[in-house]
Protein backbone atom coordinates (compact mmCIF):
# COMPACT_ATOMS: atom_id res chain seq x y z
CA MET A 1 -12.44 11.09 12.29
CA PRO A 2 -15.28 13.86 13.02
CA THR A 3 -13.82 17.80 12.08
CA PRO A 4 -12.73 19.79 14.44
CA ASN A 5 -14.63 22.96 15.67
CA GLN A 6 -12.96 26.31 15.04
CA ASN A 7 -11.74 26.21 18.94
CA GLU A 8 -10.43 22.90 18.62
CA GLN A 9 -8.75 23.88 15.39
CA GLU A 10 -7.17 26.79 17.11
CA ALA A 11 -5.49 24.38 19.86
CA ILE A 12 -4.61 21.85 17.84
CA ARG A 13 -2.35 24.91 15.52
CA ASN A 14 -1.21 26.59 18.62
CA LEU A 15 -0.04 22.56 19.74
CA GLN A 16 1.54 22.53 16.07
CA ARG A 17 3.06 26.01 16.53
CA TYR A 18 4.91 25.07 19.61
CA LEU A 19 5.95 21.42 18.19
CA ARG A 20 7.49 23.61 14.97
CA GLN A 21 9.60 26.11 17.52
CA LEU A 22 11.10 23.14 19.00
CA TYR A 23 11.99 21.82 15.80
CA PHE A 24 14.18 24.72 14.82
CA SER A 25 16.11 24.16 18.63
CA GLU A 26 15.46 20.70 19.26
CA GLU A 27 16.49 17.71 16.61
CA ASN A 28 14.78 15.02 17.88
CA ILE A 29 11.27 16.83 17.04
CA PRO A 30 10.31 16.33 13.33
CA GLU A 31 8.85 19.02 11.57
CA ALA A 32 5.07 19.84 12.17
CA PRO A 33 2.86 21.89 9.85
CA VAL A 34 1.09 24.68 11.63
CA ASP A 35 -2.25 24.37 9.82
CA GLY A 36 -4.89 23.21 12.42
CA VAL A 37 -5.19 19.30 11.15
CA PHE A 38 -3.99 16.94 13.78
CA ASP A 39 -2.91 14.12 11.48
CA SER A 40 0.17 11.47 11.55
CA THR A 41 2.74 14.17 11.48
CA THR A 42 1.74 16.54 13.95
CA GLU A 43 1.18 13.31 16.32
CA ALA A 44 5.08 11.72 15.40
CA ALA A 45 5.97 15.54 16.68
CA LEU A 46 4.17 15.53 19.50
CA ARG A 47 5.07 11.34 20.33
CA ALA A 48 8.90 12.48 19.61
CA PHE A 49 8.35 15.57 22.30
CA GLN A 50 7.06 13.23 24.96
CA ARG A 51 9.41 10.97 24.35
CA SER A 52 12.24 13.94 24.76
CA ARG A 53 10.63 14.35 28.31
CA GLY A 54 10.28 11.16 29.52
CA LEU A 55 6.58 11.00 29.27
CA PRO A 56 4.09 8.37 28.23
CA GLU A 57 4.25 8.54 24.11
CA THR A 58 0.85 8.71 24.11
CA GLY A 59 0.47 10.95 21.18
CA ILE A 60 -2.67 12.58 23.32
CA ALA A 61 -1.93 16.51 24.55
CA ASP A 62 -3.00 15.75 28.22
CA GLN A 63 -2.81 18.38 30.75
CA ARG A 64 1.30 17.48 31.64
CA THR A 65 2.12 17.32 28.12
CA TRP A 66 0.71 20.31 27.49
CA GLU A 67 2.58 22.09 30.26
CA LEU A 68 5.44 21.05 29.66
CA LEU A 69 4.97 21.85 25.53
CA PHE A 70 4.14 25.30 26.32
CA ASN A 71 7.24 25.88 28.83
CA ALA A 72 9.76 24.30 26.60
CA TYR A 73 8.41 26.54 23.78
CA ARG A 74 8.30 29.25 26.14
CA ALA A 75 12.35 28.85 26.68
CA ALA A 76 12.93 27.88 22.99
CA LEU A 77 11.41 31.43 22.51
CA ALA A 78 12.78 33.53 24.74
CA LEU A 79 16.86 31.59 23.45
CA ALA A 80 16.14 32.98 19.80
CA ALA A 81 14.88 36.59 21.28
CA PRO A 82 17.18 39.44 21.03
CA PRO A 83 18.29 41.54 23.94
CA VAL A 84 16.39 43.46 25.10
CA SER A 85 16.99 47.10 25.00
CA VAL A 86 16.89 49.59 27.86
CA GLU A 87 15.32 53.09 27.61
CA ILE A 88 18.06 55.59 30.26
CA PHE A 89 16.35 58.77 29.14
CA PRO A 90 12.37 58.85 29.08
CA ILE A 91 10.53 57.50 25.67
CA TYR A 92 8.64 60.55 26.15
CA PRO A 93 10.24 63.65 28.40
CA GLN A 94 8.09 66.59 27.86
CA GLY A 95 9.17 68.20 31.04
CA THR A 96 12.15 65.53 31.97
CA VAL A 97 15.25 66.91 32.65
CA LEU A 98 18.82 65.87 33.67
CA SER A 99 19.95 69.48 35.33
CA PRO A 100 22.64 70.35 38.13
CA GLY A 101 21.48 68.56 41.52
CA SER A 102 20.15 65.18 39.10
CA GLN A 103 21.55 62.41 40.03
CA GLY A 104 21.20 58.12 39.18
CA PHE A 105 22.04 56.12 36.21
CA ALA A 106 21.04 58.69 33.37
CA VAL A 107 23.66 61.32 34.56
CA MET A 108 26.18 58.95 34.84
CA THR A 109 25.00 57.45 30.79
CA LEU A 110 25.07 61.76 29.89
CA GLN A 111 28.83 62.04 31.72
CA TYR A 112 29.75 58.78 29.44
CA LEU A 113 28.77 59.78 26.39
CA LEU A 114 30.54 63.49 27.06
CA GLY A 115 33.56 61.26 27.94
CA GLU A 116 33.78 59.92 25.05
CA LEU A 117 32.99 63.38 22.52
CA GLU A 118 35.92 64.94 24.49
CA HIS A 119 38.11 63.23 21.50
CA THR A 120 35.51 65.56 18.97
CA TYR A 121 34.96 68.59 20.65
CA ARG A 122 38.60 70.36 22.26
CA GLU A 123 36.56 72.60 24.28
CA LEU A 124 34.62 70.10 26.62
CA ILE A 125 36.33 68.65 29.09
CA ALA A 126 34.37 64.96 29.91
CA PRO A 127 33.16 65.44 33.51
CA PRO A 128 33.73 62.89 36.32
CA MET A 129 31.69 59.64 36.00
CA ASP A 130 30.03 59.91 39.30
CA GLY A 131 26.25 59.98 38.28
CA ILE A 132 26.37 63.46 39.87
CA TYR A 133 25.07 66.43 37.75
CA GLY A 134 27.47 69.29 39.09
CA GLU A 135 29.96 71.64 38.20
CA LYS A 136 31.77 70.10 35.15
CA THR A 137 29.01 68.23 34.05
CA GLN A 138 27.24 71.32 33.27
CA GLY A 139 30.14 73.71 32.31
CA ALA A 140 30.69 70.00 29.52
CA VAL A 141 26.93 70.28 28.36
CA ARG A 142 27.86 74.09 28.12
CA ALA A 143 31.11 73.65 26.09
CA PHE A 144 28.74 71.03 23.82
CA GLN A 145 25.43 73.13 23.46
CA LEU A 146 27.69 76.18 21.57
CA ARG A 147 29.57 74.32 19.61
CA ASN A 148 26.42 72.76 18.22
CA ALA A 149 24.43 75.68 17.69
CA LEU A 150 22.03 75.46 20.89
CA PRO A 151 20.84 77.38 23.90
CA PRO A 152 24.31 77.32 25.77
CA ASP A 153 22.20 76.89 29.52
CA GLY A 154 24.02 73.88 30.66
CA ILE A 155 20.77 71.46 30.94
CA ALA A 156 20.77 68.83 28.87
CA ASP A 157 16.97 68.67 27.74
CA LEU A 158 15.47 66.58 25.36
CA LEU A 159 16.98 68.83 22.53
CA THR A 160 20.10 68.67 23.99
CA TRP A 161 20.25 65.04 24.80
CA ASN A 162 19.13 64.02 21.04
CA ARG A 163 22.40 65.44 19.64
CA ILE A 164 24.69 64.22 22.29
CA VAL A 165 23.48 61.09 21.66
CA ASP A 166 23.05 61.35 17.53
CA GLN A 167 26.93 62.48 17.59
CA TYR A 168 27.56 59.81 19.60
CA ASN A 169 26.11 57.54 17.35
CA THR A 170 28.01 59.52 14.31
CA LEU A 171 31.51 58.86 15.85
CA PHE A 172 30.53 55.05 17.18
CA ARG A 173 29.40 54.58 13.87
CA SER A 174 32.82 55.88 12.29
CA PHE A 175 35.19 53.81 14.53
CA GLN A 176 32.77 50.47 13.68
CA ALA A 177 33.34 51.53 9.80
CA GLU A 178 37.86 51.67 10.21
């Protein structure tokens, strides 16, 4: 058997990676090494995959086998992946603030956080969770700012947002410890 060139070895490694991932989630797929060598172990894993998908058990990665294998690999990765995080406030919020007149999910999130912190700060009155940055939200932000030595302008800029989130996370961790 001729020695595979570098591109062929990488293709074999990809095949082996896909089979290896399926080995962790499908008990009928035996473990295959990821070494770029198409040996009897890799062939046995490929045949098992073909058998599990109702394909002819040729031990050859034809177009149909590659497509099904790659799709199964992607599905297995998706099932094993952690949940995707949600960025509520912009990652780079220079110039981005929540202030009177702001509306939407970020405002509702701010209102939720302030509502949770109401138990910690007696002077803070939780605003309604309506997604509208009105007088009550501005008042709650101002009360939080006063208590945390921030400029009490009632505007949730980056510094205020980060302090609110930090205080919420501290509160949340304290509940988890109980």
